[in-house]
Amino acid sequence: MIEPTPRKFNRRQKSWVTLYQNETGFDAMMDDFLAGNETFLIAAKKSVRWFEDWSSDAYLNISRQYPGEK
């Protein structure tokens, strides 16, 4: 079996990761990319989907618990 080749971010990828961190407050899910197991695009889309799910859940939890509303 061929071992995946570990990777590093190029300048544009690092810029996107920094943008993701600044906008979401979370680290992008890049471990599989860095380990050579998936492309940057797949890892980036996985990060965006995760944040979308997290923020939707947070929105629902917050919006269901307004003080003084039953």
C-alpha atoms as a PDB file:
ATOM      1  CA  MET A   1       0.000   0.000   0.000  1.00  0.00           C
ATOM      2  CA  ILE A   2       1.302   3.458  -0.906  1.00  0.00           C
ATOM      3  CA  GLU A   3       1.570   5.872   2.003  1.00  0.00           C
ATOM      4  CA  PRO A   4       0.069   9.338   1.451  1.00  0.00           C
ATOM      5  CA  THR A   5       2.565  12.174   1.150  1.00  0.00           C
ATOM      6  CA  PRO A   6       2.192  14.836   3.840  1.00  0.00           C
ATOM      7  CA  ARG A   7       1.421  18.292   2.470  1.00  0.00           C
ATOM      8  CA  LYS A   8       1.851  21.938   3.409  1.00  0.00           C
ATOM      9  CA  PHE A   9      -0.348  24.911   2.579  1.00  0.00           C
ATOM     10  CA  ASN A  10       0.555  27.100  -0.357  1.00  0.00           C
ATOM     11  CA  ARG A  11       0.072  30.864   0.003  1.00  0.00           C
ATOM     12  CA  ARG A  12      -3.533  30.923  -1.279  1.00  0.00           C
ATOM     13  CA  GLN A  13      -4.531  27.953   0.855  1.00  0.00           C
ATOM     14  CA  LYS A  14      -2.999  29.505   3.977  1.00  0.00           C
ATOM     15  CA  SER A  15      -4.875  32.718   3.207  1.00  0.00           C
ATOM     16  CA  TRP A  16      -8.162  30.807   2.999  1.00  0.00           C
ATOM     17  CA  VAL A  17      -7.456  28.971   6.274  1.00  0.00           C
ATOM     18  CA  THR A  18      -6.744  32.312   7.967  1.00  0.00           C
ATOM     19  CA  LEU A  19      -9.976  33.760   6.554  1.00  0.00           C
ATOM     20  CA  TYR A  20     -11.942  30.767   7.823  1.00  0.00           C
ATOM     21  CA  GLN A  21     -10.425  31.127  11.297  1.00  0.00           C
ATOM     22  CA  ASN A  22     -11.048  34.877  11.412  1.00  0.00           C
ATOM     23  CA  GLU A  23     -14.643  34.597  10.219  1.00  0.00           C
ATOM     24  CA  THR A  24     -15.724  31.562  12.240  1.00  0.00           C
ATOM     25  CA  GLY A  25     -13.498  31.562  15.303  1.00  0.00           C
ATOM     26  CA  PHE A  26     -12.703  27.897  14.626  1.00  0.00           C
ATOM     27  CA  ASP A  27      -9.740  26.107  13.093  1.00  0.00           C
ATOM     28  CA  ALA A  28     -10.414  24.684   9.644  1.00  0.00           C
ATOM     29  CA  MET A  29     -10.517  20.878   9.497  1.00  0.00           C
ATOM     30  CA  MET A  30      -7.300  20.381   7.557  1.00  0.00           C
ATOM     31  CA  ASP A  31      -5.693  17.337   9.216  1.00  0.00           C
ATOM     32  CA  ASP A  32      -6.658  14.954   6.401  1.00  0.00           C
ATOM     33  CA  PHE A  33      -5.321  17.382   3.790  1.00  0.00           C
ATOM     34  CA  LEU A  34      -2.057  17.883   5.661  1.00  0.00           C
ATOM     35  CA  ALA A  35      -1.690  14.108   6.053  1.00  0.00           C
ATOM     36  CA  GLY A  36      -2.138  13.687   2.288  1.00  0.00           C
ATOM     37  CA  ASN A  37      -5.449  11.840   2.552  1.00  0.00           C
ATOM     38  CA  GLU A  38      -7.672  14.357   0.727  1.00  0.00           C
ATOM     39  CA  THR A  39      -7.454  17.434  -1.471  1.00  0.00           C
ATOM     40  CA  PHE A  40      -7.518  20.958  -0.113  1.00  0.00           C
ATOM     41  CA  LEU A  41     -10.894  21.559  -1.767  1.00  0.00           C
ATOM     42  CA  ILE A  42     -12.487  18.560  -0.050  1.00  0.00           C
ATOM     43  CA  ALA A  43     -11.040  19.556   3.330  1.00  0.00           C
ATOM     44  CA  ALA A  44     -12.155  23.177   2.887  1.00  0.00           C
ATOM     45  CA  LYS A  45     -15.692  22.179   1.905  1.00  0.00           C
ATOM     46  CA  LYS A  46     -15.818  19.795   4.879  1.00  0.00           C
ATOM     47  CA  SER A  47     -14.862  22.692   7.149  1.00  0.00           C
ATOM     48  CA  VAL A  48     -17.549  24.950   5.683  1.00  0.00           C
ATOM     49  CA  ARG A  49     -20.212  22.234   5.995  1.00  0.00           C
ATOM     50  CA  TRP A  50     -19.206  21.605   9.604  1.00  0.00           C
ATOM     51  CA  PHE A  51     -19.496  25.306  10.436  1.00  0.00           C
ATOM     52  CA  GLU A  52     -22.836  25.553   8.654  1.00  0.00           C
ATOM     53  CA  ASP A  53     -24.181  22.643  10.716  1.00  0.00           C
ATOM     54  CA  TRP A  54     -22.747  24.053  13.938  1.00  0.00           C
ATOM     55  CA  SER A  55     -24.109  27.549  13.342  1.00  0.00           C
ATOM     56  CA  SER A  56     -27.552  26.224  12.371  1.00  0.00           C
ATOM     57  CA  ASP A  57     -27.719  24.190  15.575  1.00  0.00           C
ATOM     58  CA  ALA A  58     -26.553  27.169  17.633  1.00  0.00           C
ATOM     59  CA  TYR A  59     -29.115  29.429  15.955  1.00  0.00           C
ATOM     60  CA  LEU A  60     -31.937  27.010  16.701  1.00  0.00           C
ATOM     61  CA  ASN A  61     -30.884  26.554  20.323  1.00  0.00           C
ATOM     62  CA  ILE A  62     -30.577  30.293  20.917  1.00  0.00           C
ATOM     63  CA  SER A  63     -33.748  31.289  19.084  1.00  0.00           C
ATOM     64  CA  ARG A  64     -35.857  28.788  21.027  1.00  0.00           C
ATOM     65  CA  GLN A  65     -34.908  30.256  24.383  1.00  0.00           C
ATOM     66  CA  TYR A  66     -35.765  33.951  24.329  1.00  0.00           C
ATOM     67  CA  PRO A  67     -36.253  35.145  27.923  1.00  0.00           C
ATOM     68  CA  GLY A  68     -39.889  35.829  28.768  1.00  0.00           C
ATOM     69  CA  GLU A  69     -41.232  33.886  25.784  1.00  0.00           C
ATOM     70  CA  LYS A  70     -42.952  30.536  26.178  1.00  0.00           C
END
